[in-house]
């Protein structure tokens, strides 16, 4: 069986590039509505993997890795206020998927 660690890592880096450089306009709420996860979820999963590997990492460190900059900076630069339509779609998605 082939070790896919390098391939997994390359795909993850490409996903981060896509979300943060190619499409920073895509809001986390839109990702949550459509896919059930967002950049913050990726950061949580990244932190969980670090902890599982015995590496101390806090939430902000994980978010900085995923966002490519401190979360507060990314938020100020890219995050928009959710529209009423987005909030309604988010609520409906949560109700559908528990």
Protein backbone atom coordinates (compact mmCIF):
# COMPACT_ATOMS: atom_id res chain seq x y z
CA UNK A 1 0.00 0.00 0.00
CA UNK A 2 1.26 3.47 -0.87
CA UNK A 3 1.88 6.03 1.88
CA UNK A 4 -0.45 8.88 0.98
CA UNK A 5 0.74 11.34 3.65
CA UNK A 6 2.54 13.61 1.17
CA UNK A 7 -0.44 13.56 -1.19
CA UNK A 8 -2.85 14.33 1.66
CA UNK A 9 -0.64 17.21 2.78
CA UNK A 10 -0.40 18.61 -0.76
CA UNK A 11 -4.19 18.44 -1.18
CA UNK A 12 -4.68 20.18 2.18
CA UNK A 13 -2.27 22.96 1.20
CA UNK A 14 -4.11 23.37 -2.11
CA UNK A 15 -7.45 23.56 -0.29
CA UNK A 16 -6.08 26.30 1.96
CA UNK A 17 -4.73 28.18 -1.06
CA UNK A 18 -8.09 27.92 -2.77
CA UNK A 19 -10.02 29.15 0.27
CA UNK A 20 -7.64 31.89 1.35
CA UNK A 21 -6.00 33.17 -1.82
CA UNK A 22 -8.15 32.16 -4.77
CA UNK A 23 -11.58 32.54 -3.09
CA UNK A 24 -11.38 34.61 0.10
CA UNK A 25 -14.74 36.05 -0.98
CA UNK A 26 -16.44 32.78 -0.05
CA UNK A 27 -17.75 33.37 3.44
CA UNK A 28 -17.58 30.77 6.19
CA UNK A 29 -21.35 30.88 6.57
CA UNK A 30 -21.72 29.93 2.90
CA UNK A 31 -19.37 26.99 3.39
CA UNK A 32 -21.37 25.90 6.43
CA UNK A 33 -24.65 26.14 4.52
CA UNK A 34 -23.41 24.16 1.52
CA UNK A 35 -20.81 21.80 2.93
CA UNK A 36 -21.38 21.65 6.68
CA UNK A 37 -17.86 22.85 7.49
CA UNK A 38 -15.82 26.03 7.22
CA UNK A 39 -12.31 27.34 7.76
CA UNK A 40 -12.85 27.29 11.53
CA UNK A 41 -13.79 23.61 11.33
CA UNK A 42 -10.57 22.93 9.40
CA UNK A 43 -8.63 24.74 12.11
CA UNK A 44 -10.33 22.64 14.80
CA UNK A 45 -9.48 19.45 12.89
CA UNK A 46 -5.90 20.65 12.44
CA UNK A 47 -5.60 21.35 16.17
CA UNK A 48 -7.09 17.92 16.98
CA UNK A 49 -4.50 16.28 14.73
CA UNK A 50 -1.72 18.23 16.42
CA UNK A 51 -2.92 17.20 19.88
CA UNK A 52 -3.21 13.57 18.72
CA UNK A 53 0.41 13.81 17.57
CA UNK A 54 1.48 15.19 20.95
CA UNK A 55 1.96 18.74 19.68
CA UNK A 56 0.61 21.53 21.85
CA UNK A 57 -1.50 23.91 19.81
CA UNK A 58 -4.18 26.37 20.78
CA UNK A 59 -7.19 27.52 18.78
CA UNK A 60 -5.55 30.73 17.57
CA UNK A 61 -2.41 28.93 16.38
CA UNK A 62 -4.52 26.46 14.42
CA UNK A 63 -6.62 29.23 12.91
CA UNK A 64 -3.52 31.14 11.87
CA UNK A 65 -2.27 28.03 10.07
CA UNK A 66 -5.57 27.57 8.25
CA UNK A 67 -6.24 31.25 7.47
CA UNK A 68 -2.62 32.04 6.60
CA UNK A 69 -2.67 35.01 8.98
CA UNK A 70 -4.04 35.81 12.43
CA UNK A 71 -7.78 35.14 12.44
CA UNK A 72 -8.60 38.71 13.52
CA UNK A 73 -6.67 40.06 10.52
CA UNK A 74 -8.44 37.73 8.08
CA UNK A 75 -11.80 38.58 9.61
CA UNK A 76 -11.19 42.33 9.30
CA UNK A 77 -10.00 41.96 5.71
CA UNK A 78 -12.49 39.43 4.31
CA UNK A 79 -15.47 38.66 6.56
CA UNK A 80 -18.72 40.42 5.84
CA UNK A 81 -21.79 40.65 8.02
CA UNK A 82 -24.12 37.72 7.33
CA UNK A 83 -27.23 38.67 5.42
CA UNK A 84 -30.70 37.74 6.67
CA UNK A 85 -30.88 35.26 3.78
CA UNK A 86 -27.60 33.62 4.80
CA UNK A 87 -28.72 33.39 8.42
CA UNK A 88 -32.02 31.79 7.37
CA UNK A 89 -30.25 29.32 5.08
CA UNK A 90 -27.78 28.49 7.84
CA UNK A 91 -30.59 27.83 10.29
CA UNK A 92 -32.40 25.63 7.77
CA UNK A 93 -29.19 23.69 7.04
CA UNK A 94 -28.63 23.10 10.76
CA UNK A 95 -32.18 21.83 11.16
CA UNK A 96 -31.78 19.48 8.18
CA UNK A 97 -28.45 18.06 9.29
CA UNK A 98 -28.82 18.21 13.04
